[in-house]
PDB file of N, CA and C in Angstrom:
ATOM      1  N   MET A   1       0.838  -0.922  -0.024  1.00  0.00           N
ATOM      2  CA  MET A   1      -0.122  -0.304   0.276  1.00  0.00           C
ATOM      3  C   MET A   1       0.900   1.243  -0.168  1.00  0.00           C
ATOM      4  N   ASP A   2       0.570   2.395  -0.780  1.00  0.00           N
ATOM      5  CA  ASP A   2       1.325   3.552  -0.711  1.00  0.00           C
ATOM      6  C   ASP A   2       1.593   4.156   0.589  1.00  0.00           C
ATOM      7  N   LYS A   3       2.687   4.252   0.839  1.00  0.00           N
ATOM      8  CA  LYS A   3       2.718   5.225   2.488  1.00  0.00           C
ATOM      9  C   LYS A   3       1.605   6.361   2.799  1.00  0.00           C
ATOM     10  N   ARG A   4       1.682   7.316   1.368  1.00  0.00           N
ATOM     11  CA  ARG A   4       0.676   8.467   1.929  1.00  0.00           C
ATOM     12  C   ARG A   4      -0.574   7.974   2.083  1.00  0.00           C
ATOM     13  N   LEU A   5      -1.173   6.867   1.250  1.00  0.00           N
ATOM     14  CA  LEU A   5      -2.407   6.510   1.570  1.00  0.00           C
ATOM     15  C   LEU A   5      -2.817   5.823   2.849  1.00  0.00           C
ATOM     16  N   LEU A   6      -1.703   5.141   3.179  1.00  0.00           N
ATOM     17  CA  LEU A   6      -1.823   4.360   4.540  1.00  0.00           C
ATOM     18  C   LEU A   6      -1.556   5.478   5.965  1.00  0.00           C
ATOM     19  N   GLY A   7      -0.680   6.621   5.479  1.00  0.00           N
ATOM     20  CA  GLY A   7      -0.728   7.672   6.366  1.00  0.00           C
ATOM     21  C   GLY A   7      -2.368   8.225   6.635  1.00  0.00           C
ATOM     22  N   GLN A   8      -2.825   8.464   5.820  1.00  0.00           N
ATOM     23  CA  GLN A   8      -4.185   9.280   5.673  1.00  0.00           C
ATOM     24  C   GLN A   8      -5.130   8.294   6.431  1.00  0.00           C
ATOM     25  N   ILE A   9      -5.059   6.934   6.019  1.00  0.00           N
ATOM     26  CA  ILE A   9      -5.885   6.191   6.379  1.00  0.00           C
ATOM     27  C   ILE A   9      -5.737   6.234   8.289  1.00  0.00           C
ATOM     28  N   GLY A  10      -4.469   6.328   8.625  1.00  0.00           N
ATOM     29  CA  GLY A  10      -4.471   6.298   9.876  1.00  0.00           C
ATOM     30  C   GLY A  10      -4.835   7.598  10.689  1.00  0.00           C
ATOM     31  N   GLU A  11      -4.706   8.425   9.974  1.00  0.00           N
ATOM     32  CA  GLU A  11      -4.882  10.006  10.759  1.00  0.00           C
ATOM     33  C   GLU A  11      -6.421  10.257  10.610  1.00  0.00           C
ATOM     34  N   ASN A  12      -7.220   9.379   9.917  1.00  0.00           N
ATOM     35  CA  ASN A  12      -8.477   9.797   9.640  1.00  0.00           C
ATOM     36  C   ASN A  12      -9.193   8.484  10.368  1.00  0.00           C
ATOM     37  N   THR A  13      -8.416   7.655  10.706  1.00  0.00           N
ATOM     38  CA  THR A  13      -8.790   6.675  12.126  1.00  0.00           C
ATOM     39  C   THR A  13      -8.641   6.935  13.662  1.00  0.00           C
ATOM     40  N   ALA A  14      -7.356   7.851  13.509  1.00  0.00           N
ATOM     41  CA  ALA A  14      -7.279   8.518  14.895  1.00  0.00           C
ATOM     42  C   ALA A  14      -8.034   9.368  15.035  1.00  0.00           C
ATOM     43  N   ALA A  15      -8.678  10.141  13.926  1.00  0.00           N
ATOM     44  CA  ALA A  15      -9.547  11.651  14.247  1.00  0.00           C
ATOM     45  C   ALA A  15     -11.069  11.143  15.110  1.00  0.00           C
ATOM     46  N   ASP A  16     -11.184   9.711  13.974  1.00  0.00           N
ATOM     47  CA  ASP A  16     -12.561   9.139  14.487  1.00  0.00           C
ATOM     48  C   ASP A  16     -12.406   8.805  15.894  1.00  0.00           C
ATOM     49  N   VAL A  17     -11.471   8.080  16.406  1.00  0.00           N
ATOM     50  CA  VAL A  17     -11.335   7.578  18.202  1.00  0.00           C
ATOM     51  C   VAL A  17     -11.272   8.934  18.998  1.00  0.00           C
ATOM     52  N   LEU A  18     -10.320   9.703  18.474  1.00  0.00           N
ATOM     53  CA  LEU A  18     -10.348  11.302  19.258  1.00  0.00           C
ATOM     54  C   LEU A  18     -11.948  11.984  19.183  1.00  0.00           C
ATOM     55  N   ARG A  19     -12.561  11.855  18.103  1.00  0.00           N
ATOM     56  CA  ARG A  19     -13.818  12.274  18.646  1.00  0.00           C
ATOM     57  C   ARG A  19     -14.876  11.483  19.409  1.00  0.00           C
ATOM     58  N   ALA A  20     -14.965  10.035  19.097  1.00  0.00           N
ATOM     59  CA  ALA A  20     -15.381   8.880  20.261  1.00  0.00           C
ATOM     60  C   ALA A  20     -14.844   9.218  21.745  1.00  0.00           C
ATOM     61  N   LYS A  21     -14.071  10.150  21.710  1.00  0.00           N
ATOM     62  CA  LYS A  21     -13.752  10.240  23.248  1.00  0.00           C
ATOM     63  C   LYS A  21     -13.722  11.406  23.903  1.00  0.00           C
ATOM     64  N   GLY A  22     -14.482  12.414  22.947  1.00  0.00           N
ATOM     65  CA  GLY A  22     -15.065  13.488  23.397  1.00  0.00           C
ATOM     66  C   GLY A  22     -14.220  14.580  22.480  1.00  0.00           C
ATOM     67  N   TYR A  23     -12.837  14.573  21.947  1.00  0.00           N
ATOM     68  CA  TYR A  23     -12.332  15.804  21.590  1.00  0.00           C
ATOM     69  C   TYR A  23     -13.347  16.540  19.981  1.00  0.00           C
ATOM     70  N   ARG A  24     -12.741  17.930  20.333  1.00  0.00           N
ATOM     71  CA  ARG A  24     -13.313  18.615  18.802  1.00  0.00           C
ATOM     72  C   ARG A  24     -12.074  19.214  18.018  1.00  0.00           C
ATOM     73  N   ILE A  25     -11.973  18.036  16.951  1.00  0.00           N
ATOM     74  CA  ILE A  25     -10.879  17.929  15.901  1.00  0.00           C
ATOM     75  C   ILE A  25     -10.700  19.422  15.386  1.00  0.00           C
ATOM     76  N   LEU A  26      -9.926  20.621  15.300  1.00  0.00           N
ATOM     77  CA  LEU A  26      -9.948  21.406  15.304  1.00  0.00           C
ATOM     78  C   LEU A  26      -9.115  21.883  13.888  1.00  0.00           C
ATOM     79  N   LYS A  27      -8.022  20.904  13.571  1.00  0.00           N
ATOM     80  CA  LYS A  27      -7.211  21.161  12.509  1.00  0.00           C
ATOM     81  C   LYS A  27      -6.591  19.722  12.265  1.00  0.00           C
ATOM     82  N   GLN A  28      -6.744  19.302  10.888  1.00  0.00           N
ATOM     83  CA  GLN A  28      -5.400  18.150  10.435  1.00  0.00           C
ATOM     84  C   GLN A  28      -4.956  18.466   9.941  1.00  0.00           C
ATOM     85  N   ASN A  29      -3.498  17.950   9.600  1.00  0.00           N
ATOM     86  CA  ASN A  29      -2.192  18.337   9.100  1.00  0.00           C
ATOM     87  C   ASN A  29      -1.753  20.210   8.655  1.00  0.00           C
ATOM     88  N   TYR A  30      -1.898  20.317  10.120  1.00  0.00           N
ATOM     89  CA  TYR A  30      -1.370  21.721  10.631  1.00  0.00           C
ATOM     90  C   TYR A  30      -0.346  22.011  10.055  1.00  0.00           C
ATOM     91  N   ARG A  31       0.058  22.980   9.139  1.00  0.00           N
ATOM     92  CA  ARG A  31       1.424  22.966   8.649  1.00  0.00           C
ATOM     93  C   ARG A  31       1.931  24.608   9.049  1.00  0.00           C
ATOM     94  N   CYS A  32       3.244  24.647   9.648  1.00  0.00           N
ATOM     95  CA  CYS A  32       3.914  26.127   9.791  1.00  0.00           C
ATOM     96  C   CYS A  32       5.261  25.992   9.263  1.00  0.00           C
ATOM     97  N   ARG A  33       6.423  26.884   9.355  1.00  0.00           N
ATOM     98  CA  ARG A  33       7.762  26.701   9.040  1.00  0.00           C
ATOM     99  C   ARG A  33       8.404  25.592  10.082  1.00  0.00           C
ATOM    100  N   HIS A  34       7.937  25.262  10.946  1.00  0.00           N
ATOM    101  CA  HIS A  34       8.531  24.585  11.960  1.00  0.00           C
ATOM    102  C   HIS A  34       8.141  23.178  12.064  1.00  0.00           C
ATOM    103  N   GLY A  35       7.212  22.807  11.012  1.00  0.00           N
ATOM    104  CA  GLY A  35       6.857  21.644  11.093  1.00  0.00           C
ATOM    105  C   GLY A  35       5.177  21.621  10.349  1.00  0.00           C
ATOM    106  N   GLU A  36       4.976  20.102  10.901  1.00  0.00           N
ATOM    107  CA  GLU A  36       3.326  19.825  10.480  1.00  0.00           C
ATOM    108  C   GLU A  36       3.179  19.142  12.112  1.00  0.00           C
ATOM    109  N   ILE A  37       1.679  19.270  12.239  1.00  0.00           N
ATOM    110  CA  ILE A  37       1.255  18.368  13.570  1.00  0.00           C
ATOM    111  C   ILE A  37      -0.118  17.911  12.909  1.00  0.00           C
ATOM    112  N   ASP A  38       0.218  16.480  13.334  1.00  0.00           N
ATOM    113  CA  ASP A  38      -1.198  15.675  12.338  1.00  0.00           C
ATOM    114  C   ASP A  38      -2.650  15.816  12.920  1.00  0.00           C
ATOM    115  N   ILE A  39      -2.897  16.235  13.764  1.00  0.00           N
ATOM    116  CA  ILE A  39      -4.031  16.602  14.457  1.00  0.00           C
ATOM    117  C   ILE A  39      -3.931  17.442  15.880  1.00  0.00           C
ATOM    118  N   VAL A  40      -4.673  18.606  15.477  1.00  0.00           N
ATOM    119  CA  VAL A  40      -5.148  19.739  16.519  1.00  0.00           C
ATOM    120  C   VAL A  40      -6.413  19.341  17.448  1.00  0.00           C
ATOM    121  N   ALA A  41      -6.361  19.097  18.408  1.00  0.00           N
ATOM    122  CA  ALA A  41      -7.852  18.708  18.948  1.00  0.00           C
ATOM    123  C   ALA A  41      -8.089  19.505  20.148  1.00  0.00           C
ATOM    124  N   LEU A  42      -9.517  19.644  20.732  1.00  0.00           N
ATOM    125  CA  LEU A  42      -9.646  20.281  21.796  1.00  0.00           C
ATOM    126  C   LEU A  42     -10.834  19.555  22.248  1.00  0.00           C
ATOM    127  N   ARG A  43     -10.167  19.196  24.277  1.00  0.00           N
ATOM    128  CA  ARG A  43     -11.382  18.827  25.250  1.00  0.00           C
ATOM    129  C   ARG A  43     -11.061  19.700  26.260  1.00  0.00           C
ATOM    130  N   ASP A  44     -12.197  19.892  26.701  1.00  0.00           N
ATOM    131  CA  ASP A  44     -12.154  20.771  28.405  1.00  0.00           C
ATOM    132  C   ASP A  44     -11.193  22.216  28.090  1.00  0.00           C
ATOM    133  N   GLY A  45     -11.668  22.516  26.818  1.00  0.00           N
ATOM    134  CA  GLY A  45     -10.533  23.534  26.664  1.00  0.00           C
ATOM    135  C   GLY A  45      -9.104  23.425  26.751  1.00  0.00           C
ATOM    136  N   ILE A  46      -8.473  22.042  27.154  1.00  0.00           N
ATOM    137  CA  ILE A  46      -6.940  21.575  26.490  1.00  0.00           C
ATOM    138  C   ILE A  46      -6.835  21.682  25.208  1.00  0.00           C
ATOM    139  N   LEU A  47      -5.923  21.981  24.695  1.00  0.00           N
ATOM    140  CA  LEU A  47      -5.356  21.555  23.103  1.00  0.00           C
ATOM    141  C   LEU A  47      -4.513  20.358  23.329  1.00  0.00           C
ATOM    142  N   ALA A  48      -5.229  19.455  22.160  1.00  0.00           N
ATOM    143  CA  ALA A  48      -4.268  18.061  22.122  1.00  0.00           C
ATOM    144  C   ALA A  48      -3.489  18.028  20.704  1.00  0.00           C
ATOM    145  N   PHE A  49      -2.232  18.118  20.838  1.00  0.00           N
ATOM    146  CA  PHE A  49      -1.150  17.932  19.931  1.00  0.00           C
ATOM    147  C   PHE A  49      -0.867  16.604  19.500  1.00  0.00           C
ATOM    148  N   VAL A  50      -1.201  16.108  18.537  1.00  0.00           N
ATOM    149  CA  VAL A  50      -1.472  14.681  18.249  1.00  0.00           C
ATOM    150  C   VAL A  50      -0.673  14.347  16.906  1.00  0.00           C
ATOM    151  N   GLU A  51       0.550  12.994  17.377  1.00  0.00           N
ATOM    152  CA  GLU A  51       1.024  12.794  16.213  1.00  0.00           C
ATOM    153  C   GLU A  51       0.754  11.246  16.126  1.00  0.00           C
ATOM    154  N   VAL A  52       0.398  11.260  14.692  1.00  0.00           N
ATOM    155  CA  VAL A  52      -0.126   9.448  14.739  1.00  0.00           C
ATOM    156  C   VAL A  52       0.523   8.925  13.682  1.00  0.00           C
ATOM    157  N   LYS A  53       0.927   7.802  14.096  1.00  0.00           N
ATOM    158  CA  LYS A  53       2.042   6.603  13.393  1.00  0.00           C
ATOM    159  C   LYS A  53       1.004   5.593  12.760  1.00  0.00           C
ATOM    160  N   THR A  54       1.095   5.298  11.796  1.00  0.00           N
ATOM    161  CA  THR A  54       0.652   3.942  11.220  1.00  0.00           C
ATOM    162  C   THR A  54       1.704   3.331  10.598  1.00  0.00           C
ATOM    163  N   ARG A  55       1.298   2.015  10.729  1.00  0.00           N
ATOM    164  CA  ARG A  55       2.298   0.676  10.411  1.00  0.00           C
ATOM    165  C   ARG A  55       1.582  -0.453   9.755  1.00  0.00           C
ATOM    166  N   GLN A  56       2.456  -1.083   8.980  1.00  0.00           N
ATOM    167  CA  GLN A  56       1.711  -2.319   8.553  1.00  0.00           C
ATOM    168  C   GLN A  56       2.417  -3.660   8.915  1.00  0.00           C
ATOM    169  N   SER A  57       3.503  -3.373   9.647  1.00  0.00           N
ATOM    170  CA  SER A  57       4.080  -3.894  10.411  1.00  0.00           C
ATOM    171  C   SER A  57       4.859  -3.752  11.353  1.00  0.00           C
ATOM    172  N   LEU A  58       5.091  -4.799  12.148  1.00  0.00           N
ATOM    173  CA  LEU A  58       5.952  -4.064  13.598  1.00  0.00           C
ATOM    174  C   LEU A  58       7.419  -4.557  13.352  1.00  0.00           C
ATOM    175  N   SER A  59       7.961  -5.042  12.366  1.00  0.00           N
ATOM    176  CA  SER A  59       9.273  -5.368  11.974  1.00  0.00           C
ATOM    177  C   SER A  59      10.179  -4.502  12.295  1.00  0.00           C
ATOM    178  N   TYR A  60       9.552  -3.196  12.691  1.00  0.00           N
ATOM    179  CA  TYR A  60      10.878  -2.165  12.732  1.00  0.00           C
ATOM    180  C   TYR A  60      10.814  -1.413  14.053  1.00  0.00           C
ATOM    181  N   GLY A  61       9.571  -2.466  14.912  1.00  0.00           N
ATOM    182  CA  GLY A  61       9.401  -1.533  16.103  1.00  0.00           C
ATOM    183  C   GLY A  61       7.860  -0.824  16.302  1.00  0.00           C
ATOM    184  N   ARG A  62       7.779  -0.414  17.371  1.00  0.00           N
ATOM    185  CA  ARG A  62       6.342  -0.002  17.805  1.00  0.00           C
ATOM    186  C   ARG A  62       6.307   1.169  17.240  1.00  0.00           C
ATOM    187  N   PRO A  63       5.029   1.864  16.229  1.00  0.00           N
ATOM    188  CA  PRO A  63       5.164   2.976  15.665  1.00  0.00           C
ATOM    189  C   PRO A  63       5.558   4.145  16.531  1.00  0.00           C
ATOM    190  N   ALA A  64       5.216   4.202  17.872  1.00  0.00           N
ATOM    191  CA  ALA A  64       5.598   5.495  18.659  1.00  0.00           C
ATOM    192  C   ALA A  64       7.110   5.998  18.831  1.00  0.00           C
ATOM    193  N   GLU A  65       7.741   4.632  18.645  1.00  0.00           N
ATOM    194  CA  GLU A  65       9.388   4.380  18.733  1.00  0.00           C
ATOM    195  C   GLU A  65       9.701   5.339  17.557  1.00  0.00           C
ATOM    196  N   ALA A  66       8.730   5.929  16.602  1.00  0.00           N
ATOM    197  CA  ALA A  66       9.428   6.671  15.350  1.00  0.00           C
ATOM    198  C   ALA A  66       9.556   8.247  15.898  1.00  0.00           C
ATOM    199  N   VAL A  67       8.386   8.428  16.817  1.00  0.00           N
ATOM    200  CA  VAL A  67       8.503  10.245  17.444  1.00  0.00           C
ATOM    201  C   VAL A  67       9.637  10.064  18.547  1.00  0.00           C
ATOM    202  N   ASP A  68      10.844  10.913  17.684  1.00  0.00           N
ATOM    203  CA  ASP A  68      12.196  10.508  18.248  1.00  0.00           C
ATOM    204  C   ASP A  68      12.563  12.584  18.856  1.00  0.00           C
ATOM    205  N   GLU A  69      13.511  12.495  19.556  1.00  0.00           N
ATOM    206  CA  GLU A  69      13.582  13.901  19.913  1.00  0.00           C
ATOM    207  C   GLU A  69      13.524  14.926  18.804  1.00  0.00           C
ATOM    208  N   ARG A  70      14.149  14.645  17.731  1.00  0.00           N
ATOM    209  CA  ARG A  70      14.009  15.415  16.729  1.00  0.00           C
ATOM    210  C   ARG A  70      12.706  15.949  16.359  1.00  0.00           C
ATOM    211  N   LYS A  71      11.607  15.252  16.307  1.00  0.00           N
ATOM    212  CA  LYS A  71      10.405  15.124  15.928  1.00  0.00           C
ATOM    213  C   LYS A  71       9.603  15.832  17.185  1.00  0.00           C
ATOM    214  N   ARG A  72      10.140  15.644  18.293  1.00  0.00           N
ATOM    215  CA  ARG A  72       9.132  16.648  19.471  1.00  0.00           C
ATOM    216  C   ARG A  72       9.122  17.928  19.445  1.00  0.00           C
ATOM    217  N   LYS A  73      10.838  17.887  19.177  1.00  0.00           N
ATOM    218  CA  LYS A  73      11.130  19.518  19.027  1.00  0.00           C
ATOM    219  C   LYS A  73      10.212  20.124  18.150  1.00  0.00           C
ATOM    220  N   HIS A  74      10.332  19.853  16.761  1.00  0.00           N
ATOM    221  CA  HIS A  74       9.440  20.304  16.008  1.00  0.00           C
ATOM    222  C   HIS A  74       8.064  20.423  16.225  1.00  0.00           C
ATOM    223  N   MET A  75       7.122  19.356  17.055  1.00  0.00           N
ATOM    224  CA  MET A  75       5.877  19.256  17.054  1.00  0.00           C
ATOM    225  C   MET A  75       5.913  20.423  18.358  1.00  0.00           C
ATOM    226  N   LYS A  76       6.786  20.712  18.882  1.00  0.00           N
ATOM    227  CA  LYS A  76       6.546  21.783  20.377  1.00  0.00           C
ATOM    228  C   LYS A  76       6.792  22.973  19.500  1.00  0.00           C
ATOM    229  N   LYS A  77       7.578  23.664  18.728  1.00  0.00           N
ATOM    230  CA  LYS A  77       7.448  24.570  17.999  1.00  0.00           C
ATOM    231  C   LYS A  77       6.305  25.077  16.714  1.00  0.00           C
ATOM    232  N   ALA A  78       5.720  23.824  16.531  1.00  0.00           N
ATOM    233  CA  ALA A  78       4.548  23.958  15.728  1.00  0.00           C
ATOM    234  C   ALA A  78       3.781  24.026  16.598  1.00  0.00           C
ATOM    235  N   ALA A  79       3.239  23.708  17.760  1.00  0.00           N
ATOM    236  CA  ALA A  79       2.598  23.829  18.666  1.00  0.00           C
ATOM    237  C   ALA A  79       2.233  25.116  19.078  1.00  0.00           C
ATOM    238  N   LEU A  80       3.517  25.778  19.536  1.00  0.00           N
ATOM    239  CA  LEU A  80       3.541  27.512  19.783  1.00  0.00           C
ATOM    240  C   LEU A  80       3.092  28.480  18.572  1.00  0.00           C
ATOM    241  N   CYS A  81       3.219  28.037  17.201  1.00  0.00           N
ATOM    242  CA  CYS A  81       2.349  28.722  16.036  1.00  0.00           C
ATOM    243  C   CYS A  81       1.116  28.299  16.361  1.00  0.00           C
ATOM    244  N   PHE A  82       0.943  27.376  16.157  1.00  0.00           N
ATOM    245  CA  PHE A  82      -0.699  27.405  16.408  1.00  0.00           C
ATOM    246  C   PHE A  82      -1.175  27.972  17.431  1.00  0.00           C
ATOM    247  N   ILE A  83      -0.743  27.794  18.665  1.00  0.00           N
ATOM    248  CA  ILE A  83      -1.230  28.613  19.782  1.00  0.00           C
ATOM    249  C   ILE A  83      -1.041  30.054  19.628  1.00  0.00           C
ATOM    250  N   GLU A  84      -0.279  30.713  18.632  1.00  0.00           N
ATOM    251  CA  GLU A  84       0.043  31.887  18.691  1.00  0.00           C
ATOM    252  C   GLU A  84      -1.142  32.243  17.519  1.00  0.00           C
ATOM    253  N   GLU A  85      -1.503  31.599  16.572  1.00  0.00           N
ATOM    254  CA  GLU A  85      -2.387  32.118  16.041  1.00  0.00           C
ATOM    255  C   GLU A  85      -4.079  31.968  16.278  1.00  0.00           C
ATOM    256  N   MET A  86      -4.070  31.151  17.216  1.00  0.00           N
ATOM    257  CA  MET A  86      -5.193  30.954  18.175  1.00  0.00           C
ATOM    258  C   MET A  86      -5.719  31.638  19.393  1.00  0.00           C
ATOM    259  N   LYS A  87      -4.534  32.933  19.907  1.00  0.00           N
ATOM    260  CA  LYS A  87      -4.530  33.376  21.010  1.00  0.00           C
ATOM    261  C   LYS A  87      -5.897  33.780  21.344  1.00  0.00           C
ATOM    262  N   ASP A  88      -6.549  34.613  20.315  1.00  0.00           N
ATOM    263  CA  ASP A  88      -7.414  35.432  20.550  1.00  0.00           C
ATOM    264  C   ASP A  88      -9.173  34.325  20.499  1.00  0.00           C
ATOM    265  N   ARG A  89      -8.883  33.275  20.634  1.00  0.00           N
ATOM    266  CA  ARG A  89     -10.022  32.327  20.531  1.00  0.00           C
ATOM    267  C   ARG A  89     -10.587  31.840  21.604  1.00  0.00           C
ATOM    268  N   ARG A  90     -11.696  32.133  21.891  1.00  0.00           N
ATOM    269  CA  ARG A  90     -12.037  31.805  23.180  1.00  0.00           C
ATOM    270  C   ARG A  90     -12.314  30.057  23.515  1.00  0.00           C
ATOM    271  N   GLY A  91     -12.505  30.051  24.885  1.00  0.00           N
ATOM    272  CA  GLY A  91     -12.437  28.387  25.216  1.00  0.00           C
ATOM    273  C   GLY A  91     -11.352  27.896  25.501  1.00  0.00           C
ATOM    274  N   LEU A  92     -10.174  28.185  24.980  1.00  0.00           N
ATOM    275  CA  LEU A  92      -8.754  27.787  25.201  1.00  0.00           C
ATOM    276  C   LEU A  92      -8.581  27.878  26.519  1.00  0.00           C
ATOM    277  N   THR A  93      -8.126  27.718  27.457  1.00  0.00           N
ATOM    278  CA  THR A  93      -7.554  27.448  28.629  1.00  0.00           C
ATOM    279  C   THR A  93      -5.799  28.017  28.566  1.00  0.00           C
ATOM    280  N   GLY A  94      -5.485  27.787  27.256  1.00  0.00           N
ATOM    281  CA  GLY A  94      -3.583  27.984  27.170  1.00  0.00           C
ATOM    282  C   GLY A  94      -3.120  26.428  27.864  1.00  0.00           C
ATOM    283  N   SER A  95      -3.626  25.653  28.627  1.00  0.00           N
ATOM    284  CA  SER A  95      -3.177  24.423  28.592  1.00  0.00           C
ATOM    285  C   SER A  95      -3.098  23.438  27.414  1.00  0.00           C
ATOM    286  N   CYS A  96      -2.096  22.789  27.355  1.00  0.00           N
ATOM    287  CA  CYS A  96      -1.841  22.023  26.070  1.00  0.00           C
ATOM    288  C   CYS A  96      -1.201  20.341  26.688  1.00  0.00           C
ATOM    289  N   SER A  97      -1.448  19.465  25.779  1.00  0.00           N
ATOM    290  CA  SER A  97      -0.720  18.220  25.728  1.00  0.00           C
ATOM    291  C   SER A  97      -0.342  17.756  24.637  1.00  0.00           C
ATOM    292  N   PHE A  98       0.419  16.492  24.338  1.00  0.00           N
ATOM    293  CA  PHE A  98       1.116  16.191  23.351  1.00  0.00           C
ATOM    294  C   PHE A  98       0.803  14.815  23.283  1.00  0.00           C
ATOM    295  N   HIS A  99       0.146  14.467  21.957  1.00  0.00           N
ATOM    296  CA  HIS A  99      -0.277  12.794  22.189  1.00  0.00           C
ATOM    297  C   HIS A  99       0.251  11.973  21.041  1.00  0.00           C
ATOM    298  N   VAL A 100       0.752  10.743  21.124  1.00  0.00           N
ATOM    299  CA  VAL A 100       0.900  10.151  19.997  1.00  0.00           C
ATOM    300  C   VAL A 100       0.003   8.698  19.796  1.00  0.00           C
ATOM    301  N   MET A 101      -0.172   8.833  18.659  1.00  0.00           N
ATOM    302  CA  MET A 101      -1.660   7.611  18.873  1.00  0.00           C
ATOM    303  C   MET A 101      -0.822   6.714  17.555  1.00  0.00           C
ATOM    304  N   GLU A 102      -0.997   5.394  17.830  1.00  0.00           N
ATOM    305  CA  GLU A 102      -0.509   4.349  17.115  1.00  0.00           C
ATOM    306  C   GLU A 102      -1.664   3.510  16.206  1.00  0.00           C
ATOM    307  N   ILE A 103      -1.499   3.625  14.913  1.00  0.00           N
ATOM    308  CA  ILE A 103      -2.070   2.682  14.188  1.00  0.00           C
ATOM    309  C   ILE A 103      -1.639   1.917  13.673  1.00  0.00           C
ATOM    310  N   TYR A 104      -1.868   0.574  13.724  1.00  0.00           N
ATOM    311  CA  TYR A 104      -1.486  -0.596  13.040  1.00  0.00           C
ATOM    312  C   TYR A 104      -2.597  -1.649  12.213  1.00  0.00           C
ATOM    313  N   VAL A 105      -2.228  -1.531  11.163  1.00  0.00           N
ATOM    314  CA  VAL A 105      -2.916  -2.230  10.490  1.00  0.00           C
ATOM    315  C   VAL A 105      -2.351  -3.463   9.687  1.00  0.00           C
ATOM    316  N   GLU A 106      -3.266  -4.705  10.060  1.00  0.00           N
ATOM    317  CA  GLU A 106      -2.579  -5.809   9.697  1.00  0.00           C
ATOM    318  C   GLU A 106      -3.705  -6.535   8.502  1.00  0.00           C
ATOM    319  N   HIS A 107      -3.388  -6.717   7.380  1.00  0.00           N
ATOM    320  CA  HIS A 107      -4.479  -7.548   6.479  1.00  0.00           C
ATOM    321  C   HIS A 107      -3.904  -8.765   5.988  1.00  0.00           C
ATOM    322  N   THR A 108      -4.458  -9.914   6.750  1.00  0.00           N
ATOM    323  CA  THR A 108      -4.182 -11.616   6.564  1.00  0.00           C
ATOM    324  C   THR A 108      -4.922 -11.899   5.441  1.00  0.00           C
ATOM    325  N   ALA A 109      -4.800 -12.012   4.283  1.00  0.00           N
ATOM    326  CA  ALA A 109      -5.720 -12.327   3.284  1.00  0.00           C
ATOM    327  C   ALA A 109      -5.523 -14.020   3.273  1.00  0.00           C
ATOM    328  N   ASP A 110      -6.780 -14.648   2.615  1.00  0.00           N
ATOM    329  CA  ASP A 110      -6.980 -16.381   2.994  1.00  0.00           C
ATOM    330  C   ASP A 110      -6.414 -16.657   4.215  1.00  0.00           C
ATOM    331  N   ALA A 111      -7.219 -16.073   5.382  1.00  0.00           N
ATOM    332  CA  ALA A 111      -6.922 -16.124   6.840  1.00  0.00           C
ATOM    333  C   ALA A 111      -7.711 -17.537   7.245  1.00  0.00           C
ATOM    334  N   PHE A 112      -8.549 -18.136   6.571  1.00  0.00           N
ATOM    335  CA  PHE A 112      -9.293 -19.349   6.835  1.00  0.00           C
ATOM    336  C   PHE A 112      -9.908 -19.769   5.597  1.00  0.00           C
TER     337      PHE A 112
END
């Protein structure tokens, strides 16, 4: 499967899971000069900056293991850009959290 399509499927699945947990999706694929944040969501006035990692195999480890220090730095800087853009928005407490969502997709053909 094409990596871009797999990533899109993973991000859409993650957004659906977050909605089911009571989050409101504010933005998917937020981009600024510092990088990208897959999903920005809001629940109880707290912003959640979500990195989604989707894999078809665990042969290279768990998906979250790919979120290294460099990626975390970029996410933090991108989150600050988002907050700056949204500073006048009501309902935001100024609190935020960073999340990693792992999506693992495995297709077993002719399983039985």
